[in-house]
Amino acid sequence: PNNITSYKLDCLYGRGARGPTCSGVRCPVIHW
């Protein structure tokens, strides 16, 4: 409790983050 270090993949639902591609990618993960 209250002691977990999280890495936030904030780009996952960012608007306009279409793709992904492996060059110049905005976000490496896209959920369709």
Full PDB file with SEQRES, HELIX, SHEET, SSBOND, CRYST1, ORIGX, SCALE, CONECT and MASTER records, all heavy atoms in Angstrom:
SEQRES   1 A   32  PRO ASN ASN ILE THR SER TYR LYS LEU ASP CYS LEU TYR          
SEQRES   2 A   32  GLY ARG GLY ALA ARG GLY PRO THR CYS SER GLY VAL ARG          
SEQRES   3 A   32  CYS PRO VAL ILE HIS TRP                                      
HELIX    1 AA1 ASP A   10  TYR A   13  5                                   4    
SSBOND   1 CYS A   11    CYS A   27                          1555   1555  2.09  
CRYST1    1.000    1.000    1.000  90.00  90.00  90.00 P 1           1          
ORIGX1      1.000000  0.000000  0.000000        0.00000                         
ORIGX2      0.000000  1.000000  0.000000        0.00000                         
ORIGX3      0.000000  0.000000  1.000000        0.00000                         
SCALE1      1.000000  0.000000  0.000000        0.00000                         
SCALE2      0.000000  1.000000  0.000000        0.00000                         
SCALE3      0.000000  0.000000  1.000000        0.00000                         
ATOM      1  N   PRO A   1       0.808  -1.222   0.000  1.00  0.00           N  
ATOM      2  CA  PRO A   1       0.000   0.000   0.000  1.00  0.00           C  
ATOM      3  C   PRO A   1       0.843   1.274   0.000  1.00  0.00           C  
ATOM      4  O   PRO A   1       1.812   1.390   0.744  1.00  0.00           O  
ATOM      5  CB  PRO A   1      -0.831  -0.127   1.282  1.00  0.00           C  
ATOM      6  CG  PRO A   1      -0.071  -1.084   2.149  1.00  0.00           C  
ATOM      7  CD  PRO A   1       0.602  -2.033   1.223  1.00  0.00           C  
ATOM      8  N   ASN A   2       0.412   2.203  -0.868  1.00  0.00           N  
ATOM      9  CA  ASN A   2       0.993   3.554  -0.919  1.00  0.00           C  
ATOM     10  C   ASN A   2       2.497   3.570  -1.180  1.00  0.00           C  
ATOM     11  O   ASN A   2       3.173   4.523  -0.821  1.00  0.00           O  
ATOM     12  CB  ASN A   2       0.697   4.304   0.386  1.00  0.00           C  
ATOM     13  CG  ASN A   2      -0.781   4.401   0.665  1.00  0.00           C  
ATOM     14  OD1 ASN A   2      -1.569   4.700  -0.228  1.00  0.00           O  
ATOM     15  ND2 ASN A   2      -1.169   4.115   1.893  1.00  0.00           N  
ATOM     16  N   ASN A   3       3.016   2.516  -1.798  1.00  0.00           N  
ATOM     17  CA  ASN A   3       4.475   2.451  -1.951  1.00  0.00           C  
ATOM     18  C   ASN A   3       4.886   1.785  -3.260  1.00  0.00           C  
ATOM     19  O   ASN A   3       5.901   1.109  -3.320  1.00  0.00           O  
ATOM     20  CB  ASN A   3       5.085   1.706  -0.764  1.00  0.00           C  
ATOM     21  CG  ASN A   3       6.585   1.910  -0.666  1.00  0.00           C  
ATOM     22  OD1 ASN A   3       7.093   2.945  -1.086  1.00  0.00           O  
ATOM     23  ND2 ASN A   3       7.295   0.935  -0.131  1.00  0.00           N  
ATOM     24  N   ILE A   4       4.076   1.953  -4.315  1.00  0.00           N  
ATOM     25  CA  ILE A   4       4.373   1.354  -5.611  1.00  0.00           C  
ATOM     26  C   ILE A   4       4.852   2.432  -6.574  1.00  0.00           C  
ATOM     27  O   ILE A   4       4.235   3.484  -6.713  1.00  0.00           O  
ATOM     28  CB  ILE A   4       3.140   0.634  -6.187  1.00  0.00           C  
ATOM     29  CG1 ILE A   4       2.836  -0.622  -5.364  1.00  0.00           C  
ATOM     30  CG2 ILE A   4       3.368   0.254  -7.649  1.00  0.00           C  
ATOM     31  CD1 ILE A   4       1.608  -1.365  -5.825  1.00  0.00           C  
ATOM     32  N   THR A   5       5.955   2.147  -7.245  1.00  0.00           N  
ATOM     33  CA  THR A   5       6.474   3.062  -8.249  1.00  0.00           C  
ATOM     34  C   THR A   5       5.913   2.666  -9.615  1.00  0.00           C  
ATOM     35  O   THR A   5       6.135   1.552 -10.084  1.00  0.00           O  
ATOM     36  CB  THR A   5       8.015   3.012  -8.298  1.00  0.00           C  
ATOM     37  OG1 THR A   5       8.534   3.330  -7.015  1.00  0.00           O  
ATOM     38  CG2 THR A   5       8.554   3.992  -9.322  1.00  0.00           C  
ATOM     39  N   SER A   6       5.169   3.572 -10.228  1.00  0.00           N  
ATOM     40  CA  SER A   6       4.524   3.283 -11.503  1.00  0.00           C  
ATOM     41  C   SER A   6       5.182   4.030 -12.647  1.00  0.00           C  
ATOM     42  O   SER A   6       5.589   5.184 -12.490  1.00  0.00           O  
ATOM     43  CB  SER A   6       3.040   3.662 -11.445  1.00  0.00           C  
ATOM     44  OG  SER A   6       2.327   2.832 -10.566  1.00  0.00           O  
ATOM     45  N   TYR A   7       5.272   3.363 -13.789  1.00  0.00           N  
ATOM     46  CA  TYR A   7       5.691   4.014 -15.031  1.00  0.00           C  
ATOM     47  C   TYR A   7       4.428   4.236 -15.851  1.00  0.00           C  
ATOM     48  O   TYR A   7       3.711   3.284 -16.184  1.00  0.00           O  
ATOM     49  CB  TYR A   7       6.668   3.147 -15.808  1.00  0.00           C  
ATOM     50  CG  TYR A   7       7.150   3.793 -17.084  1.00  0.00           C  
ATOM     51  CD1 TYR A   7       8.295   4.582 -17.087  1.00  0.00           C  
ATOM     52  CD2 TYR A   7       6.444   3.642 -18.282  1.00  0.00           C  
ATOM     53  CE1 TYR A   7       8.738   5.199 -18.252  1.00  0.00           C  
ATOM     54  CE2 TYR A   7       6.885   4.253 -19.445  1.00  0.00           C  
ATOM     55  CZ  TYR A   7       8.025   5.032 -19.418  1.00  0.00           C  
ATOM     56  OH  TYR A   7       8.448   5.643 -20.570  1.00  0.00           O  
ATOM     57  N   LYS A   8       4.155   5.482 -16.177  1.00  0.00           N  
ATOM     58  CA  LYS A   8       2.901   5.829 -16.832  1.00  0.00           C  
ATOM     59  C   LYS A   8       3.090   5.977 -18.339  1.00  0.00           C  
ATOM     60  O   LYS A   8       3.807   6.863 -18.794  1.00  0.00           O  
ATOM     61  CB  LYS A   8       2.347   7.119 -16.230  1.00  0.00           C  
ATOM     62  CG  LYS A   8       2.044   6.984 -14.741  1.00  0.00           C  
ATOM     63  CD  LYS A   8       1.531   8.281 -14.147  1.00  0.00           C  
ATOM     64  CE  LYS A   8       1.252   8.103 -12.661  1.00  0.00           C  
ATOM     65  NZ  LYS A   8       0.739   9.363 -12.043  1.00  0.00           N  
ATOM     66  N   LEU A   9       2.430   5.114 -19.083  1.00  0.00           N  
ATOM     67  CA  LEU A   9       2.460   5.157 -20.546  1.00  0.00           C  
ATOM     68  C   LEU A   9       1.380   6.145 -21.003  1.00  0.00           C  
ATOM     69  O   LEU A   9       0.342   5.769 -21.548  1.00  0.00           O  
ATOM     70  CB  LEU A   9       2.222   3.765 -21.125  1.00  0.00           C  
ATOM     71  CG  LEU A   9       2.451   3.585 -22.622  1.00  0.00           C  
ATOM     72  CD1 LEU A   9       3.915   3.755 -22.973  1.00  0.00           C  
ATOM     73  CD2 LEU A   9       1.956   2.221 -23.075  1.00  0.00           C  
ATOM     74  N   ASP A  10       1.629   7.414 -20.764  1.00  0.00           N  
ATOM     75  CA  ASP A  10       0.617   8.443 -20.978  1.00  0.00           C  
ATOM     76  C   ASP A  10       0.179   8.569 -22.428  1.00  0.00           C  
ATOM     77  O   ASP A  10      -0.906   9.081 -22.711  1.00  0.00           O  
ATOM     78  CB  ASP A  10       1.139   9.802 -20.490  1.00  0.00           C  
ATOM     79  CG  ASP A  10       1.262   9.862 -18.975  1.00  0.00           C  
ATOM     80  OD1 ASP A  10       0.514   9.135 -18.293  1.00  0.00           O  
ATOM     81  OD2 ASP A  10       2.111  10.621 -18.480  1.00  0.00           O  
ATOM     82  N   CYS A  11       0.999   8.111 -23.355  1.00  0.00           N  
ATOM     83  CA  CYS A  11       0.675   8.282 -24.770  1.00  0.00           C  
ATOM     84  C   CYS A  11      -0.402   7.315 -25.261  1.00  0.00           C  
ATOM     85  O   CYS A  11      -0.931   7.501 -26.368  1.00  0.00           O  
ATOM     86  CB  CYS A  11       1.930   8.087 -25.617  1.00  0.00           C  
ATOM     87  SG  CYS A  11       2.604   6.403 -25.551  1.00  0.00           S  
ATOM     88  N   LEU A  12      -0.765   6.298 -24.484  1.00  0.00           N  
ATOM     89  CA  LEU A  12      -1.622   5.226 -24.990  1.00  0.00           C  
ATOM     90  C   LEU A  12      -2.933   5.743 -25.550  1.00  0.00           C  
ATOM     91  O   LEU A  12      -3.383   5.298 -26.604  1.00  0.00           O  
ATOM     92  CB  LEU A  12      -1.896   4.208 -23.888  1.00  0.00           C  
ATOM     93  CG  LEU A  12      -2.778   3.015 -24.264  1.00  0.00           C  
ATOM     94  CD1 LEU A  12      -2.170   2.245 -25.427  1.00  0.00           C  
ATOM     95  CD2 LEU A  12      -2.988   2.092 -23.080  1.00  0.00           C  
ATOM     96  N   TYR A  13      -3.582   6.664 -24.869  1.00  0.00           N  
ATOM     97  CA  TYR A  13      -4.857   7.187 -25.353  1.00  0.00           C  
ATOM     98  C   TYR A  13      -4.754   8.647 -25.762  1.00  0.00           C  
ATOM     99  O   TYR A  13      -5.722   9.391 -25.721  1.00  0.00           O  
ATOM    100  CB  TYR A  13      -5.950   7.006 -24.297  1.00  0.00           C  
ATOM    101  CG  TYR A  13      -6.282   5.559 -24.057  1.00  0.00           C  
ATOM    102  CD1 TYR A  13      -6.321   5.041 -22.771  1.00  0.00           C  
ATOM    103  CD2 TYR A  13      -6.521   4.706 -25.125  1.00  0.00           C  
ATOM    104  CE1 TYR A  13      -6.607   3.708 -22.559  1.00  0.00           C  
ATOM    105  CE2 TYR A  13      -6.795   3.377 -24.920  1.00  0.00           C  
ATOM    106  CZ  TYR A  13      -6.851   2.882 -23.632  1.00  0.00           C  
ATOM    107  OH  TYR A  13      -7.134   1.561 -23.427  1.00  0.00           O  
ATOM    108  N   GLY A  14      -3.564   9.099 -26.142  1.00  0.00           N  
ATOM    109  CA  GLY A  14      -3.412  10.470 -26.604  1.00  0.00           C  
ATOM    110  C   GLY A  14      -4.087  10.658 -27.946  1.00  0.00           C  
ATOM    111  O   GLY A  14      -3.977   9.833 -28.845  1.00  0.00           O  
ATOM    112  N   ARG A  15      -4.803  11.733 -28.108  1.00  0.00           N  
ATOM    113  CA  ARG A  15      -5.480  12.002 -29.372  1.00  0.00           C  
ATOM    114  C   ARG A  15      -4.454  12.184 -30.503  1.00  0.00           C  
ATOM    115  O   ARG A  15      -3.443  12.826 -30.338  1.00  0.00           O  
ATOM    116  CB  ARG A  15      -6.351  13.243 -29.249  1.00  0.00           C  
ATOM    117  CG  ARG A  15      -7.560  13.041 -28.364  1.00  0.00           C  
ATOM    118  CD  ARG A  15      -8.487  14.239 -28.406  1.00  0.00           C  
ATOM    119  NE  ARG A  15      -9.662  14.031 -27.571  1.00  0.00           N  
ATOM    120  CZ  ARG A  15     -10.732  13.357 -27.950  1.00  0.00           C  
ATOM    121  NH1 ARG A  15     -10.770  12.829 -29.151  1.00  0.00           N  
ATOM    122  NH2 ARG A  15     -11.763  13.204 -27.138  1.00  0.00           N  
ATOM    123  N   GLY A  16      -4.772  11.586 -31.633  1.00  0.00           N  
ATOM    124  CA  GLY A  16      -3.906  11.721 -32.793  1.00  0.00           C  
ATOM    125  C   GLY A  16      -2.736  10.758 -32.803  1.00  0.00           C  
ATOM    126  O   GLY A  16      -1.965  10.742 -33.735  1.00  0.00           O  
ATOM    127  N   ALA A  17      -2.614   9.913 -31.770  1.00  0.00           N  
ATOM    128  CA  ALA A  17      -1.468   8.993 -31.692  1.00  0.00           C  
ATOM    129  C   ALA A  17      -1.759   7.746 -32.505  1.00  0.00           C  
ATOM    130  O   ALA A  17      -1.907   6.658 -31.978  1.00  0.00           O  
ATOM    131  CB  ALA A  17      -1.177   8.646 -30.243  1.00  0.00           C  
ATOM    132  N   ARG A  18      -1.894   7.905 -33.811  1.00  0.00           N  
ATOM    133  CA  ARG A  18      -2.209   6.754 -34.661  1.00  0.00           C  
ATOM    134  C   ARG A  18      -0.955   5.969 -34.987  1.00  0.00           C  
ATOM    135  O   ARG A  18       0.144   6.467 -34.932  1.00  0.00           O  
ATOM    136  CB  ARG A  18      -2.889   7.216 -35.944  1.00  0.00           C  
ATOM    137  CG  ARG A  18      -4.284   7.788 -35.693  1.00  0.00           C  
ATOM    138  CD  ARG A  18      -5.013   8.012 -36.993  1.00  0.00           C  
ATOM    139  NE  ARG A  18      -6.329   8.585 -36.755  1.00  0.00           N  
ATOM    140  CZ  ARG A  18      -7.408   7.887 -36.460  1.00  0.00           C  
ATOM    141  NH1 ARG A  18      -7.318   6.578 -36.360  1.00  0.00           N  
ATOM    142  NH2 ARG A  18      -8.562   8.465 -36.269  1.00  0.00           N  
ATOM    143  N   GLY A  19      -1.126   4.739 -35.328  1.00  0.00           N  
ATOM    144  CA  GLY A  19       0.026   3.921 -35.664  1.00  0.00           C  
ATOM    145  C   GLY A  19      -0.159   2.532 -35.083  1.00  0.00           C  
ATOM    146  O   GLY A  19      -1.244   2.013 -35.054  1.00  0.00           O  
ATOM    147  N   PRO A  20       0.889   1.947 -34.506  1.00  0.00           N  
ATOM    148  CA  PRO A  20       2.196   2.595 -34.417  1.00  0.00           C  
ATOM    149  C   PRO A  20       3.078   2.265 -35.616  1.00  0.00           C  
ATOM    150  O   PRO A  20       2.819   1.328 -36.343  1.00  0.00           O  
ATOM    151  CB  PRO A  20       2.776   1.974 -33.149  1.00  0.00           C  
ATOM    152  CG  PRO A  20       2.183   0.600 -33.138  1.00  0.00           C  
ATOM    153  CD  PRO A  20       0.800   0.725 -33.730  1.00  0.00           C  
ATOM    154  N   THR A  21       4.113   3.051 -35.818  1.00  0.00           N  
ATOM    155  CA  THR A  21       5.169   2.704 -36.761  1.00  0.00           C  
ATOM    156  C   THR A  21       6.454   2.648 -35.957  1.00  0.00           C  
ATOM    157  O   THR A  21       6.504   3.101 -34.824  1.00  0.00           O  
ATOM    158  CB  THR A  21       5.302   3.759 -37.865  1.00  0.00           C  
ATOM    159  OG1 THR A  21       5.664   5.002 -37.259  1.00  0.00           O  
ATOM    160  CG2 THR A  21       4.000   3.921 -38.631  1.00  0.00           C  
ATOM    161  N   CYS A  22       7.461   2.091 -36.528  1.00  0.00           N  
ATOM    162  CA  CYS A  22       8.710   1.944 -35.777  1.00  0.00           C  
ATOM    163  C   CYS A  22       9.707   3.064 -36.055  1.00  0.00           C  
ATOM    164  O   CYS A  22      10.839   3.005 -35.627  1.00  0.00           O  
ATOM    165  CB  CYS A  22       9.337   0.582 -36.071  1.00  0.00           C  
ATOM    166  SG  CYS A  22       8.439  -0.767 -35.282  1.00  0.00           S  
ATOM    167  N   SER A  23       9.289   4.061 -36.793  1.00  0.00           N  
ATOM    168  CA  SER A  23      10.147   5.231 -36.994  1.00  0.00           C  
ATOM    169  C   SER A  23       9.299   6.470 -36.738  1.00  0.00           C  
ATOM    170  O   SER A  23       8.237   6.635 -37.321  1.00  0.00           O  
ATOM    171  CB  SER A  23      10.722   5.250 -38.409  1.00  0.00           C  
ATOM    172  OG  SER A  23       9.695   5.288 -39.368  1.00  0.00           O  
ATOM    173  N   GLY A  24       9.783   7.311 -35.846  1.00  0.00           N  
ATOM    174  CA  GLY A  24       9.037   8.509 -35.486  1.00  0.00           C  
ATOM    175  C   GLY A  24       7.720   8.199 -34.806  1.00  0.00           C  
ATOM    176  O   GLY A  24       6.749   8.942 -34.939  1.00  0.00           O  
ATOM    177  N   VAL A  25       7.671   7.095 -34.078  1.00  0.00           N  
ATOM    178  CA  VAL A  25       6.424   6.672 -33.464  1.00  0.00           C  
ATOM    179  C   VAL A  25       6.034   7.604 -32.320  1.00  0.00           C  
ATOM    180  O   VAL A  25       6.865   8.031 -31.527  1.00  0.00           O  
ATOM    181  CB  VAL A  25       6.543   5.220 -32.944  1.00  0.00           C  
ATOM    182  CG1 VAL A  25       7.568   5.095 -31.833  1.00  0.00           C  
ATOM    183  CG2 VAL A  25       5.190   4.686 -32.501  1.00  0.00           C  
ATOM    184  N   ARG A  26       4.757   7.964 -32.270  1.00  0.00           N  
ATOM    185  CA  ARG A  26       4.267   8.779 -31.162  1.00  0.00           C  
ATOM    186  C   ARG A  26       4.031   7.925 -29.927  1.00  0.00           C  
ATOM    187  O   ARG A  26       4.254   8.357 -28.810  1.00  0.00           O  
ATOM    188  CB  ARG A  26       2.960   9.465 -31.553  1.00  0.00           C  
ATOM    189  CG  ARG A  26       3.113  10.512 -32.662  1.00  0.00           C  
ATOM    190  CD  ARG A  26       1.791  11.202 -32.896  1.00  0.00           C  
ATOM    191  NE  ARG A  26       1.892  12.187 -33.968  1.00  0.00           N  
ATOM    192  CZ  ARG A  26       0.875  12.954 -34.344  1.00  0.00           C  
ATOM    193  NH1 ARG A  26      -0.300  12.836 -33.736  1.00  0.00           N  
ATOM    194  NH2 ARG A  26       1.023  13.816 -35.325  1.00  0.00           N  
ATOM    195  N   CYS A  27       3.522   6.736 -30.142  1.00  0.00           N  
ATOM    196  CA  CYS A  27       3.302   5.808 -29.025  1.00  0.00           C  
ATOM    197  C   CYS A  27       3.533   4.392 -29.534  1.00  0.00           C  
ATOM    198  O   CYS A  27       3.038   4.035 -30.613  1.00  0.00           O  
ATOM    199  CB  CYS A  27       1.884   5.949 -28.473  1.00  0.00           C  
ATOM    200  SG  CYS A  27       1.641   5.115 -26.884  1.00  0.00           S  
ATOM    201  N   PRO A  28       4.278   3.566 -28.816  1.00  0.00           N  
ATOM    202  CA  PRO A  28       4.586   2.220 -29.306  1.00  0.00           C  
ATOM    203  C   PRO A  28       3.443   1.233 -29.163  1.00  0.00           C  
ATOM    204  O   PRO A  28       3.552   0.098 -29.597  1.00  0.00           O  
ATOM    205  CB  PRO A  28       5.770   1.801 -28.441  1.00  0.00           C  
ATOM    206  CG  PRO A  28       5.559   2.537 -27.162  1.00  0.00           C  
ATOM    207  CD  PRO A  28       4.985   3.863 -27.561  1.00  0.00           C  
ATOM    208  N   VAL A  29       2.334   1.655 -28.532  1.00  0.00           N  
ATOM    209  CA  VAL A  29       1.207   0.756 -28.318  1.00  0.00           C  
ATOM    210  C   VAL A  29      -0.087   1.466 -28.711  1.00  0.00           C  
ATOM    211  O   VAL A  29      -0.326   2.607 -28.315  1.00  0.00           O  
ATOM    212  CB  VAL A  29       1.102   0.318 -26.844  1.00  0.00           C  
ATOM    213  CG1 VAL A  29      -0.080  -0.639 -26.654  1.00  0.00           C  
ATOM    214  CG2 VAL A  29       2.383  -0.350 -26.390  1.00  0.00           C  
ATOM    215  N   ILE A  30      -0.910   0.799 -29.510  1.00  0.00           N  
ATOM    216  CA  ILE A  30      -2.212   1.323 -29.894  1.00  0.00           C  
ATOM    217  C   ILE A  30      -3.263   0.250 -29.629  1.00  0.00           C  
ATOM    218  O   ILE A  30      -3.071  -0.918 -29.945  1.00  0.00           O  
ATOM    219  CB  ILE A  30      -2.244   1.709 -31.391  1.00  0.00           C  
ATOM    220  CG1 ILE A  30      -1.282   2.862 -31.662  1.00  0.00           C  
ATOM    221  CG2 ILE A  30      -3.663   2.102 -31.814  1.00  0.00           C  
ATOM    222  CD1 ILE A  30      -1.646   4.168 -31.006  1.00  0.00           C  
ATOM    223  N   HIS A  31      -4.369   0.648 -29.048  1.00  0.00           N  
ATOM    224  CA  HIS A  31      -5.473  -0.271 -28.784  1.00  0.00           C  
ATOM    225  C   HIS A  31      -6.588   0.009 -29.784  1.00  0.00           C  
ATOM    226  O   HIS A  31      -7.175   1.085 -29.803  1.00  0.00           O  
ATOM    227  CB  HIS A  31      -6.000  -0.069 -27.353  1.00  0.00           C  
ATOM    228  CG  HIS A  31      -7.089  -1.020 -26.985  1.00  0.00           C  
ATOM    229  ND1 HIS A  31      -8.136  -0.680 -26.170  1.00  0.00           N  
ATOM    230  CD2 HIS A  31      -7.286  -2.315 -27.306  1.00  0.00           C  
ATOM    231  CE1 HIS A  31      -8.937  -1.708 -25.998  1.00  0.00           C  
ATOM    232  NE2 HIS A  31      -8.438  -2.717 -26.684  1.00  0.00           N  
ATOM    233  N   TRP A  32      -6.913  -0.998 -30.600  1.00  0.00           N  
ATOM    234  CA  TRP A  32      -7.972  -0.858 -31.588  1.00  0.00           C  
ATOM    235  C   TRP A  32      -9.268  -1.386 -30.973  1.00  0.00           C  
ATOM    236  O   TRP A  32      -9.526  -2.584 -30.962  1.00  0.00           O  
ATOM    237  CB  TRP A  32      -7.612  -1.625 -32.854  1.00  0.00           C  
ATOM    238  CG  TRP A  32      -6.354  -1.138 -33.471  1.00  0.00           C  
ATOM    239  CD1 TRP A  32      -5.101  -1.658 -33.289  1.00  0.00           C  
ATOM    240  CD2 TRP A  32      -6.200  -0.016 -34.333  1.00  0.00           C  
ATOM    241  NE1 TRP A  32      -4.180  -0.938 -33.986  1.00  0.00           N  
ATOM    242  CE2 TRP A  32      -4.821   0.080 -34.635  1.00  0.00           C  
ATOM    243  CE3 TRP A  32      -7.083   0.919 -34.864  1.00  0.00           C  
ATOM    244  CZ2 TRP A  32      -4.313   1.073 -35.467  1.00  0.00           C  
ATOM    245  CZ3 TRP A  32      -6.583   1.905 -35.690  1.00  0.00           C  
ATOM    246  CH2 TRP A  32      -5.222   1.974 -35.988  1.00  0.00           C  
TER     247      TRP A  32                                                      
CONECT   87  200                                                                
CONECT  200   87                                                                
MASTER        0    0    0    1    0    0    0    6  246    1    2    3          
END                                                                             
